[in-house]
Protein backbone atom coordinates (compact mmCIF):
# COMPACT_ATOMS: atom_id res chain seq x y z
CA MET A 1 -17.73 0.48 16.18
CA LYS A 2 -14.56 2.40 17.87
CA TYR A 3 -12.72 2.54 14.69
CA ARG A 4 -12.17 5.56 12.48
CA ILE A 5 -10.29 7.17 10.20
CA LEU A 6 -7.40 9.60 11.24
CA ALA A 7 -6.23 11.75 8.16
CA LEU A 8 -4.61 14.57 10.05
CA ALA A 9 -1.39 15.04 11.86
CA ALA A 10 -3.01 17.08 14.90
CA VAL A 11 -4.38 13.90 15.97
CA PHE A 12 -1.67 13.79 18.86
CA ALA A 13 -2.84 17.12 19.84
CA LEU A 14 -6.34 15.80 20.17
CA GLY A 15 -5.24 12.54 22.18
CA ALA A 16 -5.81 9.91 19.77
CA CYS A 17 -3.49 7.88 21.02
CA GLY A 18 -4.53 8.00 23.75
CA THR A 19 -4.41 10.12 27.48
CA ALA A 20 -1.90 10.20 30.80
CA GLU A 21 -5.25 8.91 32.49
CA GLU A 22 -4.79 5.54 31.08
CA PRO A 23 -2.33 4.04 33.10
CA LYS A 24 -4.06 4.88 36.85
CA ALA A 25 -7.30 3.20 34.96
CA ALA A 26 -5.63 0.22 34.05
CA ALA A 27 -4.35 0.03 37.51
CA THR A 28 -7.85 0.36 38.99
CA GLY A 29 -9.33 -2.55 37.03
CA ALA A 30 -11.32 -0.48 34.14
CA PRO A 31 -10.00 -2.43 30.90
CA ALA A 32 -6.84 -1.23 29.09
CA LYS A 33 -6.71 0.88 26.30
CA LEU A 34 -4.38 -0.86 23.32
CA THR A 35 -4.17 1.50 19.78
CA LEU A 36 -3.89 0.31 16.65
CA TRP A 37 -2.72 2.40 13.63
CA ILE A 38 -4.43 0.13 10.16
CA MET A 39 -3.99 1.80 7.00
CA ASP A 40 -7.22 2.30 4.96
CA GLY A 41 -7.70 0.05 2.30
CA SER A 42 -6.12 -2.99 4.24
CA VAL A 43 -8.69 -4.51 6.41
CA THR A 44 -12.92 -4.60 5.41
CA GLN A 45 -14.48 -2.77 8.37
CA GLU A 46 -16.34 -6.28 8.81
CA LEU A 47 -13.34 -8.40 8.88
CA LEU A 48 -11.76 -5.89 11.65
CA LYS A 49 -14.91 -5.24 13.57
CA LYS A 50 -14.94 -9.75 13.96
CA PHE A 51 -11.01 -9.08 15.16
CA GLU A 52 -12.14 -6.67 17.30
CA THR A 53 -14.64 -8.58 19.20
CA GLU A 54 -13.37 -11.43 19.01
CA TYR A 55 -9.78 -10.19 20.28
CA GLU A 56 -11.50 -8.34 23.10
CA ALA A 57 -13.61 -12.11 23.92
CA ALA A 58 -10.16 -14.09 24.33
CA HIS A 59 -8.33 -11.15 25.99
CA GLN A 60 -9.98 -9.97 29.12
CA GLY A 61 -8.95 -6.51 30.27
CA VAL A 62 -8.09 -5.11 27.06
CA ASP A 63 -9.96 -2.51 25.12
CA LEU A 64 -8.47 -2.63 21.24
CA ASP A 65 -9.18 0.91 20.27
CA ILE A 66 -8.25 0.14 16.11
CA GLN A 67 -7.60 3.44 14.24
CA ILE A 68 -7.65 3.51 10.70
CA GLN A 69 -5.07 5.73 9.04
CA THR A 70 -4.70 7.44 5.53
CA TRP A 71 -1.40 6.56 3.53
CA ASP A 72 -1.07 10.34 2.20
CA GLY A 73 1.40 12.18 5.01
CA ILE A 74 1.68 8.97 6.97
CA GLY A 75 4.98 9.12 6.95
CA GLU A 76 4.93 12.64 9.19
CA ARG A 77 2.29 11.18 11.37
CA VAL A 78 4.34 7.89 12.17
CA THR A 79 7.43 9.42 12.31
CA ALA A 80 5.75 12.03 14.82
CA ALA A 81 4.33 9.20 16.69
CA LEU A 82 7.86 7.54 17.37
CA ALA A 83 9.35 10.42 18.64
CA SER A 84 6.20 10.96 21.23
CA THR A 85 5.90 9.59 25.02
CA ASP A 86 2.33 8.41 23.96
CA ALA A 87 2.62 6.09 21.06
CA PRO A 88 -0.02 3.65 19.59
CA ASP A 89 0.66 0.42 20.49
CA VAL A 90 1.11 -1.24 17.32
CA ILE A 91 1.18 0.24 14.08
CA GLU A 92 1.07 -0.88 10.48
CA VAL A 93 3.38 0.39 7.71
CA GLY A 94 4.56 -0.03 4.32
CA ASN A 95 7.57 -2.51 3.86
CA THR A 96 9.65 0.16 2.45
CA GLN A 97 9.54 2.16 5.26
CA VAL A 98 10.73 0.27 8.11
CA ALA A 99 14.41 1.17 7.61
CA GLN A 100 13.81 5.10 8.02
CA TYR A 101 12.01 4.09 11.28
CA SER A 102 13.86 1.76 12.94
CA ALA A 103 16.79 4.57 11.74
CA SER A 104 15.50 6.81 14.58
CA GLY A 105 15.22 4.22 17.25
CA GLY A 106 11.99 4.59 17.95
CA LEU A 107 10.93 0.89 16.96
CA THR A 108 11.19 -1.91 19.55
CA ASP A 109 13.50 -5.15 18.02
CA LEU A 110 11.37 -7.78 18.07
CA SER A 111 14.14 -10.50 17.05
CA ALA A 112 13.62 -12.62 20.16
CA LYS A 113 9.84 -13.39 19.03
CA VAL A 114 10.92 -14.35 15.38
CA ALA A 115 10.82 -17.62 16.65
CA ASP A 116 7.76 -17.45 18.25
CA LEU A 117 6.08 -16.09 15.45
CA LYS A 118 7.13 -19.05 13.02
CA GLY A 119 9.74 -16.73 11.15
CA GLU A 120 11.35 -19.65 9.62
CA ASP A 121 7.90 -19.86 7.68
CA TRP A 122 7.86 -16.12 6.89
CA LEU A 123 7.95 -15.34 2.73
CA PRO A 124 11.76 -14.40 2.34
CA GLY A 125 10.64 -11.30 0.22
CA LEU A 126 8.44 -10.07 3.23
CA ALA A 127 10.61 -10.59 5.75
CA GLN A 128 13.41 -8.85 4.57
CA PRO A 129 12.40 -5.26 4.50
CA GLY A 130 11.84 -5.51 7.85
CA ASN A 131 15.27 -6.65 8.87
CA ILE A 132 17.52 -4.20 9.46
CA GLY A 133 20.85 -4.66 10.37
CA GLY A 134 20.46 -8.22 12.03
CA ARG A 135 17.71 -7.40 13.71
CA GLN A 136 13.52 -7.82 13.12
CA TYR A 137 12.32 -4.93 13.28
CA GLY A 138 9.03 -5.08 11.07
CA ILE A 139 6.74 -8.19 11.16
CA PRO A 140 5.71 -9.39 7.86
CA TRP A 141 1.75 -8.87 7.37
CA TYR A 142 1.24 -9.26 3.94
CA ALA A 143 1.87 -8.93 0.73
CA ALA A 144 0.53 -7.44 -2.72
CA ASN A 145 0.67 -6.03 -5.82
CA ARG A 146 -1.14 -4.00 -8.35
CA VAL A 147 -3.41 -5.23 -11.24
CA VAL A 148 -6.06 -3.96 -13.05
CA VAL A 149 -9.72 -4.27 -11.83
CA TYR A 150 -12.61 -4.22 -14.56
CA ASN A 151 -16.44 -4.09 -14.41
CA LYS A 152 -16.89 -6.97 -16.90
CA ASP A 153 -20.57 -5.07 -17.55
CA LEU A 154 -18.52 -2.45 -19.31
CA PHE A 155 -16.18 -4.76 -21.06
CA ALA A 156 -18.97 -6.59 -22.74
CA ARG A 157 -21.11 -3.76 -23.82
CA ALA A 158 -18.35 -2.44 -25.79
CA GLY A 159 -17.70 -5.61 -27.27
CA ILE A 160 -14.60 -6.54 -25.83
CA LYS A 161 -14.48 -9.93 -25.28
CA GLU A 162 -10.80 -10.55 -23.36
CA PRO A 163 -8.49 -8.34 -21.46
CA PRO A 164 -5.38 -6.57 -23.76
CA LYS A 165 -2.39 -8.23 -23.58
CA THR A 166 0.08 -5.15 -24.88
CA ARG A 167 0.10 -1.49 -23.78
CA ASP A 168 -0.83 -0.84 -27.45
CA GLU A 169 -3.83 -2.24 -26.87
CA TRP A 170 -4.40 -1.53 -23.82
CA LEU A 171 -5.08 2.10 -24.62
CA ASN A 172 -7.04 1.47 -27.74
CA ILE A 173 -9.59 -0.86 -24.92
CA THR A 174 -9.64 1.87 -23.06
CA ALA A 175 -10.22 4.45 -25.42
CA LYS A 176 -13.03 2.68 -26.70
CA LEU A 177 -14.64 2.00 -22.86
CA ASN A 178 -14.23 5.83 -22.70
CA LYS A 179 -17.83 6.79 -23.52
CA GLY A 180 -21.38 7.04 -23.50
CA GLY A 181 -20.71 8.80 -19.48
CA ASN A 182 -18.71 5.98 -18.67
CA GLN A 183 -14.43 6.75 -18.08
CA GLY A 184 -12.40 3.94 -19.41
CA ILE A 185 -10.15 4.13 -16.36
CA TYR A 186 -9.96 5.98 -13.15
CA LEU A 187 -6.56 7.11 -12.81
CA THR A 188 -5.16 10.04 -10.99
CA GLY A 189 -2.53 12.21 -11.61
CA GLN A 190 -0.18 11.09 -8.37
CA THR A 191 -0.28 6.88 -9.00
CA TRP A 192 3.10 6.73 -8.82
CA TYR A 193 3.53 2.75 -8.10
CA ALA A 194 1.86 2.80 -11.66
CA LEU A 195 4.04 4.93 -13.00
CA ALA A 196 7.22 3.26 -11.43
CA GLY A 197 5.78 0.22 -13.56
CA PHE A 198 6.18 1.95 -16.88
CA VAL A 199 9.17 3.30 -16.23
CA TRP A 200 10.67 -0.21 -15.22
CA ASP A 201 8.97 -1.50 -18.41
CA GLU A 202 11.26 0.89 -20.58
CA GLY A 203 14.21 0.53 -18.73
CA GLY A 204 14.42 3.19 -16.66
CA ASP A 205 14.54 3.19 -13.25
CA LEU A 206 13.16 6.09 -9.84
CA ALA A 207 17.03 6.05 -8.90
CA VAL A 208 20.37 4.74 -9.24
CA GLN A 209 23.68 3.86 -7.38
CA GLU A 210 26.77 5.74 -8.99
CA GLY A 211 30.02 5.05 -6.94
CA GLY A 212 28.74 4.64 -4.14
CA ARG A 213 25.79 7.37 -4.02
CA TRP A 214 22.40 7.50 -5.19
CA LYS A 215 21.25 9.84 -8.36
CA GLY A 216 17.19 10.18 -9.01
CA ALA A 217 16.66 8.63 -12.67
CA LEU A 218 13.37 10.19 -13.55
CA ASP A 219 15.10 12.39 -16.15
CA SER A 220 16.19 9.66 -18.21
CA PRO A 221 14.85 8.84 -21.93
CA GLN A 222 13.69 5.47 -20.63
CA ALA A 223 11.75 7.42 -17.64
CA LEU A 224 10.78 10.11 -19.59
CA ALA A 225 9.32 7.25 -22.07
CA GLY A 226 7.41 5.83 -18.71
CA MET A 227 5.57 9.32 -17.75
CA ALA A 228 4.82 9.71 -21.55
CA PHE A 229 2.63 6.84 -21.59
CA TYR A 230 1.36 7.73 -17.89
CA ARG A 231 0.13 10.64 -19.94
CA LYS A 232 -1.70 8.99 -22.05
CA LEU A 233 -3.41 6.15 -19.94
CA GLN A 234 -4.20 9.08 -17.51
CA ALA A 235 -6.33 11.21 -20.19
CA LEU A 236 -8.73 8.04 -21.12
CA GLY A 237 -10.66 8.52 -17.74
CA LYS A 238 -11.91 11.53 -15.20
CA GLY A 239 -9.42 10.63 -12.49
CA PRO A 240 -8.03 14.51 -11.27
CA LYS A 241 -4.63 15.59 -11.93
CA ASP A 242 -3.18 17.00 -8.70
CA ALA A 243 -4.98 13.71 -6.81
CA ASP A 244 -3.56 10.14 -5.74
CA GLU A 245 -5.97 7.28 -5.74
CA ALA A 246 -7.01 7.88 -2.19
CA ASN A 247 -8.58 11.51 -3.27
CA LEU A 248 -11.52 10.39 -4.57
CA PRO A 249 -10.99 7.10 -2.98
CA GLN A 250 -10.89 4.90 -5.95
CA HIS A 251 -13.17 1.77 -4.59
CA GLU A 252 -15.86 4.39 -4.07
CA VAL A 253 -15.62 5.68 -7.41
CA PHE A 254 -15.43 2.40 -9.35
CA ALA A 255 -18.76 1.34 -7.09
CA GLN A 256 -20.76 3.74 -9.10
CA GLY A 257 -20.57 1.39 -12.26
CA LYS A 258 -19.33 3.96 -14.71
CA THR A 259 -15.83 3.22 -14.13
CA ALA A 260 -14.40 0.24 -16.52
CA GLN A 261 -11.11 0.09 -15.03
CA ILE A 262 -8.89 1.23 -12.12
CA ILE A 263 -5.39 -0.33 -10.57
CA ALA A 264 -5.31 -1.75 -7.49
CA VAL A 265 -4.52 -4.58 -5.41
CA PRO A 266 -7.34 -7.37 -5.68
CA GLY A 267 -8.83 -6.84 -2.46
CA ILE A 268 -9.89 -3.53 -3.60
CA ALA A 269 -13.08 -5.48 -4.75
CA ALA A 270 -13.88 -6.30 -1.52
CA ARG A 271 -14.26 -2.48 -0.19
CA VAL A 272 -16.20 -2.05 -3.89
CA LEU A 273 -18.94 -4.92 -2.91
CA GLU A 274 -18.86 -2.90 0.88
CA VAL A 275 -20.16 0.38 -1.20
CA ASP A 276 -22.63 -1.79 -3.85
CA ALA A 277 -22.72 -5.07 -3.28
CA GLY A 278 -24.51 -5.41 -6.38
CA LEU A 279 -21.29 -5.22 -8.04
CA LYS A 280 -20.88 -9.22 -7.12
CA GLY A 281 -19.94 -11.57 -10.06
CA LYS A 282 -19.05 -8.10 -12.20
CA ILE A 283 -15.43 -7.69 -11.28
CA GLY A 284 -12.98 -8.77 -13.09
CA PHE A 285 -8.47 -8.80 -13.24
CA PHE A 286 -6.02 -8.97 -15.79
CA PRO A 287 -2.52 -8.24 -15.45
CA VAL A 288 -1.38 -4.62 -15.89
CA PRO A 289 -0.30 -5.19 -19.26
CA GLY A 290 3.85 -5.27 -20.69
CA LYS A 291 4.62 -3.73 -23.89
CA THR A 292 4.98 -7.21 -25.56
CA ALA A 293 2.42 -9.67 -25.19
CA ASP A 294 5.45 -12.44 -23.86
CA LYS A 295 4.90 -11.07 -20.20
CA PRO A 296 2.82 -9.32 -17.86
CA GLY A 297 4.17 -5.23 -16.82
CA THR A 298 6.58 -4.62 -14.37
CA VAL A 299 4.98 -3.80 -10.98
CA PHE A 300 6.03 -2.68 -7.66
CA THR A 301 5.68 -5.66 -5.24
CA GLY A 302 4.76 -3.93 -1.95
CA GLY A 303 3.28 -4.95 1.10
CA SER A 304 2.81 -3.87 4.56
CA ASP A 305 4.81 -4.76 8.11
CA LEU A 306 3.65 -4.27 11.86
CA VAL A 307 5.51 -2.50 14.34
CA VAL A 308 5.35 -1.57 18.15
CA PRO A 309 7.13 1.90 18.69
CA VAL A 310 9.44 2.19 21.56
CA ALA A 311 7.32 4.57 23.19
CA SER A 312 4.18 2.29 23.10
CA ARG A 313 3.63 1.46 27.34
CA ARG A 314 2.22 -1.94 26.98
CA GLN A 315 4.77 -3.96 25.17
CA GLU A 316 3.82 -7.33 25.81
CA GLU A 317 0.38 -6.72 25.08
CA ALA A 318 1.37 -4.89 21.96
CA TYR A 319 3.29 -7.61 21.41
CA GLU A 320 0.00 -10.51 21.82
CA LEU A 321 -1.63 -8.15 19.23
CA VAL A 322 0.98 -8.73 16.94
CA LYS A 323 1.03 -12.32 17.38
CA ALA A 324 -2.77 -12.63 16.80
CA LEU A 325 -2.07 -10.36 13.35
CA ALA A 326 0.50 -12.03 11.98
CA GLY A 327 -0.59 -16.01 13.02
CA GLU A 328 -2.39 -18.44 10.75
CA GLN A 329 -6.13 -17.77 11.79
CA PHE A 330 -5.89 -14.01 10.82
CA GLN A 331 -3.63 -14.71 7.68
CA THR A 332 -6.28 -16.52 6.20
CA GLU A 333 -8.76 -14.50 6.87
CA LEU A 334 -7.04 -11.67 5.74
CA ALA A 335 -6.16 -13.09 2.66
CA LYS A 336 -9.58 -14.60 1.61
CA ALA A 337 -11.12 -11.09 2.03
CA MET A 338 -8.79 -8.73 0.61
CA SER A 339 -6.99 -11.55 -2.02
CA PHE A 340 -3.61 -10.59 -0.22
CA VAL A 341 -0.37 -13.50 0.03
CA PRO A 342 -0.23 -14.40 3.77
CA ASN A 343 2.95 -13.93 5.17
CA ARG A 344 4.11 -17.40 5.41
CA ALA A 345 4.68 -20.19 2.96
CA SER A 346 2.65 -22.86 3.91
CA LEU A 347 -0.02 -20.60 3.66
CA ALA A 348 0.63 -20.30 -0.05
CA GLY A 349 -2.84 -22.41 -1.10
CA VAL A 350 -5.34 -20.90 0.88
CA LEU A 351 -6.49 -18.49 -2.21
CA SER A 352 -6.29 -21.30 -4.94
CA GLY A 353 -8.76 -20.63 -7.58
CA GLU A 354 -9.04 -17.04 -7.19
CA GLU A 355 -9.29 -14.73 -10.09
CA GLY A 356 -8.12 -11.68 -8.23
CA THR A 357 -4.40 -13.83 -6.70
CA ALA A 358 -4.22 -15.41 -10.72
CA ALA A 359 -3.62 -12.35 -11.91
CA MET A 360 -1.74 -10.87 -8.99
CA ALA A 361 0.57 -14.13 -9.43
CA ALA A 362 1.14 -13.47 -13.04
CA ALA A 363 2.52 -9.97 -12.37
CA ALA A 364 3.94 -10.67 -9.54
CA ALA A 365 6.76 -13.06 -11.74
CA ASN A 366 7.68 -9.28 -13.13
CA GLY A 367 8.18 -7.54 -9.98
CA ARG A 368 10.27 -4.91 -8.54
CA ALA A 369 11.20 -2.96 -5.57
CA THR A 370 11.89 0.93 -4.58
CA PRO A 371 15.48 1.83 -4.14
CA ASN A 372 17.00 -0.22 -0.98
CA THR A 373 18.17 2.38 0.79
CA PRO A 374 16.37 3.99 4.41
CA ASN A 375 16.41 7.47 2.67
CA TRP A 376 13.68 6.07 0.25
CA ALA A 377 11.03 6.54 2.81
CA ALA A 378 11.48 10.40 2.82
CA VAL A 379 11.55 10.69 -0.39
CA GLU A 380 7.82 8.76 -0.26
CA ALA A 381 7.36 11.16 2.82
CA THR A 382 7.77 14.38 0.73
CA SER A 383 5.57 13.36 -2.42
CA MET A 384 8.03 14.96 -4.44
CA ILE A 385 7.19 11.83 -6.98
CA LYS A 386 3.54 13.04 -6.54
CA GLN A 387 4.58 16.15 -7.11
CA TYR A 388 6.19 16.04 -10.07
CA MET A 389 3.31 14.14 -11.93
CA THR A 390 1.29 16.46 -11.21
CA ALA A 391 3.44 19.18 -12.69
CA VAL A 392 3.58 17.55 -15.92
CA LEU A 393 0.19 16.54 -16.65
CA THR A 394 -0.95 20.02 -15.80
CA GLY A 395 1.39 21.33 -18.60
CA GLY A 396 4.55 21.69 -17.12
CA ASP A 397 7.65 20.46 -19.85
CA PRO A 398 8.14 16.83 -19.18
CA ALA A 399 12.14 16.92 -19.70
CA THR A 400 12.69 20.21 -16.82
CA GLU A 401 10.35 18.98 -14.25
CA ALA A 402 11.96 15.31 -14.53
CA ARG A 403 15.41 17.16 -14.01
CA LYS A 404 14.00 18.79 -11.15
CA VAL A 405 12.71 15.89 -9.18
CA SER A 406 15.90 13.65 -10.41
CA GLU A 407 17.60 16.54 -8.08
CA SER A 408 15.23 16.37 -5.23
CA ILE A 409 15.30 12.60 -4.97
CA THR A 410 19.31 12.57 -5.10
CA THR A 411 19.54 15.18 -2.12
CA THR A 412 17.07 13.30 -0.30
CA LEU A 413 18.79 9.58 -0.83
CA ASN A 414 22.26 10.98 -0.36
CA SER A 415 21.57 13.14 3.18
CA GLY A 416 23.11 12.39 6.21
CA SER A 417 25.91 10.12 4.02
């Protein structure tokens, strides 16, 4: 199998995106190598292999090289790829990152392809982040938001008959589950999207606009209350305080059968079953609980887009790959395999009856987005919020650390303005 995980910025030095000899090989009749970067956790290995096999069979002369990228440090790697002369042909990026990457001039304008891609059927909330200044640089791929994924067996053994509806119930239940060698929840110290939801629930925000400028807001009383709840919840498990959910990969931890809960998109269940198929039928889902039982907790509604770097040597072939990945067949297969929301409104019914999707849909009704500014991607890329969380969880004064990170966010968001 040709796809592999690449997690270091040094991949360019190692020639991961291709070599100067490839165009010559193509000219002599050898397969044209087409490089696709996919984020770790977006697709199961089984579905990727199926797609690779079928795509190459349908596109004779194409050698599809699928490279799996980790989210940690992805901003720097994509930025380096876009600035190179030998970039990947297609890259999956977070929907909040398109604005920053397009500002560099490194993304191909795909506006002329929107009609061919059935853009009139795209979900508006997915299409908008990829449209910058009226030009479509990012092609919507899928949407998802986080829910609580839980082990039904561990809940039953603890005498818990139904999922919690409020935050207080959630803490009490998680404490009951955090016994006998099991951990009530695996929540790492840097799962910042979960923190964002708690901050929003308290009436706070990550950043706000004042007088035409952005200001970091994690030092507000509301945001500090969200961080205080995060500390309580995180303490009811063994998650490392200095890592995010990819280290150790939370689906691998959950698959060991001793973790009662994780916070993730429902599609992570497919990754869990890749590790231990014996957990089939034992995985449940419920919305992140809110402060009161009348509505679930606020969640970040995110997703991914597909982009084509200007530096891709095979623009037409890259577009054909985007078309296949964003098309009805693969969208349907991806939604079913990962419980993601497809990019088209007409495909909304493909997941009817799915427990994980129902939980995700309930949470999506109370969804939010990160600050709508191109510079937000730079905030994510520098991991300043993650570092703030670790500082607080390892003994730093919350108010002091929140003030420092808010100042950093303010500086970053107003850079260049």
